[in-house]
C-alpha atoms as a PDB file:
ATOM      1  CA  MET A   1     -11.154  26.529  13.114  1.00  0.00           C
ATOM      2  CA  PRO A   2      -9.658  23.740  10.814  1.00  0.00           C
ATOM      3  CA  LEU A   3      -8.762  20.591  12.642  1.00  0.00           C
ATOM      4  CA  LYS A   4      -6.582  17.592  11.649  1.00  0.00           C
ATOM      5  CA  ASP A   5      -5.491  14.375  13.316  1.00  0.00           C
ATOM      6  CA  VAL A   6      -2.307  14.320  15.309  1.00  0.00           C
ATOM      7  CA  TYR A   7      -0.784  10.842  15.776  1.00  0.00           C
ATOM      8  CA  VAL A   8       1.004   9.775  18.978  1.00  0.00           C
ATOM      9  CA  ASP A   9       3.467   6.934  18.734  1.00  0.00           C
ATOM     10  CA  GLY A  10       5.515   6.519  21.881  1.00  0.00           C
ATOM     11  CA  SER A  11       7.603   9.645  22.272  1.00  0.00           C
ATOM     12  CA  LEU A  12       6.752  10.827  18.685  1.00  0.00           C
ATOM     13  CA  VAL A  13       3.819  13.297  18.386  1.00  0.00           C
ATOM     14  CA  GLY A  14       2.718  14.245  14.853  1.00  0.00           C
ATOM     15  CA  GLU A  15       5.756  12.727  13.209  1.00  0.00           C
ATOM     16  CA  ILE A  16       4.063   9.644  11.742  1.00  0.00           C
ATOM     17  CA  GLY A  17       1.805  10.068   8.831  1.00  0.00           C
ATOM     18  CA  ASP A  18      -1.196   8.447   7.208  1.00  0.00           C
ATOM     19  CA  ARG A  19       0.994   6.019   5.226  1.00  0.00           C
ATOM     20  CA  VAL A  20       2.473   4.623   8.508  1.00  0.00           C
ATOM     21  CA  VAL A  21      -0.959   4.244   9.850  1.00  0.00           C
ATOM     22  CA  GLN A  22      -2.161   2.513   6.705  1.00  0.00           C
ATOM     23  CA  ASP A  23       0.818   0.115   6.834  1.00  0.00           C
ATOM     24  CA  ARG A  24       0.128  -0.769  10.358  1.00  0.00           C
ATOM     25  CA  GLU A  25      -3.620  -1.389   9.751  1.00  0.00           C
ATOM     26  CA  ARG A  26      -2.657  -3.690   6.831  1.00  0.00           C
ATOM     27  CA  LEU A  27      -0.149  -5.565   8.933  1.00  0.00           C
ATOM     28  CA  SER A  28      -2.706  -6.021  11.822  1.00  0.00           C
ATOM     29  CA  GLN A  29      -5.236  -7.383   9.342  1.00  0.00           C
ATOM     30  CA  ASN A  30      -3.233  -9.435   7.012  1.00  0.00           C
ATOM     31  CA  GLY A  31       0.221 -10.078   8.481  1.00  0.00           C
ATOM     32  CA  PHE A  32       3.315 -10.228   6.378  1.00  0.00           C
ATOM     33  CA  VAL A  33       5.581 -12.697   4.395  1.00  0.00           C
ATOM     34  CA  LEU A  34       9.277 -12.366   4.505  1.00  0.00           C
ATOM     35  CA  CYS A  35      10.826 -13.540   1.253  1.00  0.00           C
ATOM     36  CA  TYR A  36      14.590 -14.397   1.065  1.00  0.00           C
ATOM     37  CA  VAL A  37      15.870 -14.662  -2.574  1.00  0.00           C
ATOM     38  CA  PRO A  38      19.580 -15.828  -3.025  1.00  0.00           C
ATOM     39  CA  VAL A  39      21.027 -14.458  -6.239  1.00  0.00           C
ATOM     40  CA  ASP A  40      24.431 -14.727  -7.934  1.00  0.00           C
ATOM     41  CA  ARG A  41      26.649 -11.903  -9.500  1.00  0.00           C
ATOM     42  CA  GLN A  42      24.432 -11.947 -12.603  1.00  0.00           C
ATOM     43  CA  ARG A  43      21.351 -11.513 -10.393  1.00  0.00           C
ATOM     44  CA  ARG A  44      20.058 -14.965 -11.249  1.00  0.00           C
ATOM     45  CA  LEU A  45      18.479 -17.223  -8.713  1.00  0.00           C
ATOM     46  CA  ALA A  46      21.258 -19.135  -6.914  1.00  0.00           C
ATOM     47  CA  GLY A  47      19.532 -21.295  -4.388  1.00  0.00           C
ATOM     48  CA  GLU A  48      16.213 -21.963  -2.659  1.00  0.00           C
ATOM     49  CA  VAL A  49      13.750 -19.233  -2.023  1.00  0.00           C
ATOM     50  CA  ARG A  50      12.585 -19.082   1.637  1.00  0.00           C
ATOM     51  CA  LEU A  51       9.203 -17.626   2.767  1.00  0.00           C
ATOM     52  CA  ILE A  52       8.412 -16.853   6.337  1.00  0.00           C
ATOM     53  CA  SER A  53       5.036 -15.633   7.494  1.00  0.00           C
ATOM     54  CA  GLN A  54       3.958 -13.867  10.598  1.00  0.00           C
ATOM     55  CA  GLY A  55       0.266 -12.985  11.259  1.00  0.00           C
ATOM     56  CA  PHE A  56      -0.777 -14.302   7.806  1.00  0.00           C
ATOM     57  CA  MET A  57      -1.194 -17.994   8.297  1.00  0.00           C
ATOM     58  CA  PRO A  58       0.341 -20.388  10.795  1.00  0.00           C
ATOM     59  CA  MET A  59       3.483 -21.876   9.028  1.00  0.00           C
ATOM     60  CA  ASP A  60       2.441 -25.414   9.856  1.00  0.00           C
ATOM     61  CA  ALA A  61      -1.001 -25.059   8.410  1.00  0.00           C
ATOM     62  CA  SER A  62       0.240 -23.324   5.229  1.00  0.00           C
ATOM     63  CA  THR A  63       2.982 -25.605   4.066  1.00  0.00           C
ATOM     64  CA  ARG A  64       1.326 -26.452   0.611  1.00  0.00           C
ATOM     65  CA  LEU A  65       0.377 -22.886   0.010  1.00  0.00           C
ATOM     66  CA  MET A  66       3.994 -21.714   0.738  1.00  0.00           C
ATOM     67  CA  GLU A  67       5.453 -24.435  -1.494  1.00  0.00           C
ATOM     68  CA  LYS A  68       3.138 -23.341  -4.365  1.00  0.00           C
ATOM     69  CA  ALA A  69       4.095 -19.615  -3.755  1.00  0.00           C
ATOM     70  CA  LYS A  70       7.754 -20.551  -3.989  1.00  0.00           C
ATOM     71  CA  ARG A  71       7.243 -22.456  -7.315  1.00  0.00           C
ATOM     72  CA  THR A  72       5.282 -19.458  -8.621  1.00  0.00           C
ATOM     73  CA  LEU A  73       8.036 -17.078  -7.639  1.00  0.00           C
ATOM     74  CA  ARG A  74      10.785 -19.236  -8.970  1.00  0.00           C
ATOM     75  CA  ARG A  75       9.038 -19.406 -12.406  1.00  0.00           C
ATOM     76  CA  THR A  76       8.827 -15.505 -12.505  1.00  0.00           C
ATOM     77  CA  LEU A  77      12.433 -15.052 -11.367  1.00  0.00           C
ATOM     78  CA  LYS A  78      13.727 -17.528 -13.861  1.00  0.00           C
ATOM     79  CA  LYS A  79      11.804 -15.804 -16.591  1.00  0.00           C
ATOM     80  CA  ASP A  80      12.318 -12.107 -15.585  1.00  0.00           C
ATOM     81  CA  GLY A  81      15.458 -12.347 -13.471  1.00  0.00           C
ATOM     82  CA  CYS A  82      15.938 -10.808 -10.054  1.00  0.00           C
ATOM     83  CA  ARG A  83      16.389  -7.226 -11.146  1.00  0.00           C
ATOM     84  CA  GLN A  84      13.583  -5.595  -9.282  1.00  0.00           C
ATOM     85  CA  GLN A  85      12.095  -6.237  -5.759  1.00  0.00           C
ATOM     86  CA  GLU A  86       8.879  -4.808  -7.063  1.00  0.00           C
ATOM     87  CA  SER A  87       8.473  -7.894  -9.277  1.00  0.00           C
ATOM     88  CA  ILE A  88       8.867 -10.253  -6.252  1.00  0.00           C
ATOM     89  CA  CYS A  89       6.178  -8.177  -4.366  1.00  0.00           C
ATOM     90  CA  LYS A  90       3.749  -8.130  -7.183  1.00  0.00           C
ATOM     91  CA  THR A  91       4.107 -11.935  -7.973  1.00  0.00           C
ATOM     92  CA  LEU A  92       3.593 -12.957  -4.300  1.00  0.00           C
ATOM     93  CA  GLN A  93       0.803 -10.321  -3.553  1.00  0.00           C
ATOM     94  CA  ASP A  94      -1.081 -11.498  -6.647  1.00  0.00           C
ATOM     95  CA  PHE A  95      -0.586 -15.135  -5.749  1.00  0.00           C
ATOM     96  CA  PHE A  96      -1.589 -14.843  -2.205  1.00  0.00           C
ATOM     97  CA  TYR A  97      -4.660 -12.745  -3.127  1.00  0.00           C
ATOM     98  CA  ARG A  98      -5.815 -15.329  -5.773  1.00  0.00           C
ATOM     99  CA  GLN A  99      -5.351 -18.122  -3.232  1.00  0.00           C
ATOM    100  CA  THR A 100      -6.696 -16.505   0.064  1.00  0.00           C
ATOM    101  CA  ARG A 101      -8.392 -13.218  -0.835  1.00  0.00           C
ATOM    102  CA  SER A 102      -5.933 -11.724   1.686  1.00  0.00           C
ATOM    103  CA  ARG A 103      -3.038  -9.232   1.025  1.00  0.00           C
ATOM    104  CA  PRO A 104      -0.152  -9.780   3.438  1.00  0.00           C
ATOM    105  CA  VAL A 105       2.679  -7.272   3.377  1.00  0.00           C
ATOM    106  CA  ILE A 106       5.481  -8.722   1.281  1.00  0.00           C
ATOM    107  CA  LEU A 107       8.906  -8.025   2.473  1.00  0.00           C
ATOM    108  CA  PRO A 108      11.491  -9.113  -0.149  1.00  0.00           C
ATOM    109  CA  HIS A 109      15.192  -9.583   0.737  1.00  0.00           C
ATOM    110  CA  VAL A 110      17.498 -10.301  -2.120  1.00  0.00           C
ATOM    111  CA  VAL A 111      20.785 -11.660  -0.942  1.00  0.00           C
ATOM    112  CA  ARG A 112      23.856 -11.958  -3.175  1.00  0.00           C
ATOM    113  CA  VAL A 113      25.682 -15.188  -2.658  1.00  0.00           C
END
């Protein structure tokens, strides 16, 4: 008889899949970085990028790393524009991996101002 895993999540039984489980494992191991990017009507950077991390590195211990990440992201956004959130994710994922050998989940939030 073929068997497969059935996930239980609160009142949900079998409704979450492998992707959700993988995301949760990654969050538990690497944390996440929330990225706020203010843009104008032409989708150009219109203010200061903000990075907030949880479960990745303590904010007070990672001030220099986060400032360096912001500079790297600003350079990318000025060069490529703020057209795709994937570009924000890739830039920060690559940066954090090079610096820490860790891959936090990147949650970009582009805000039109």
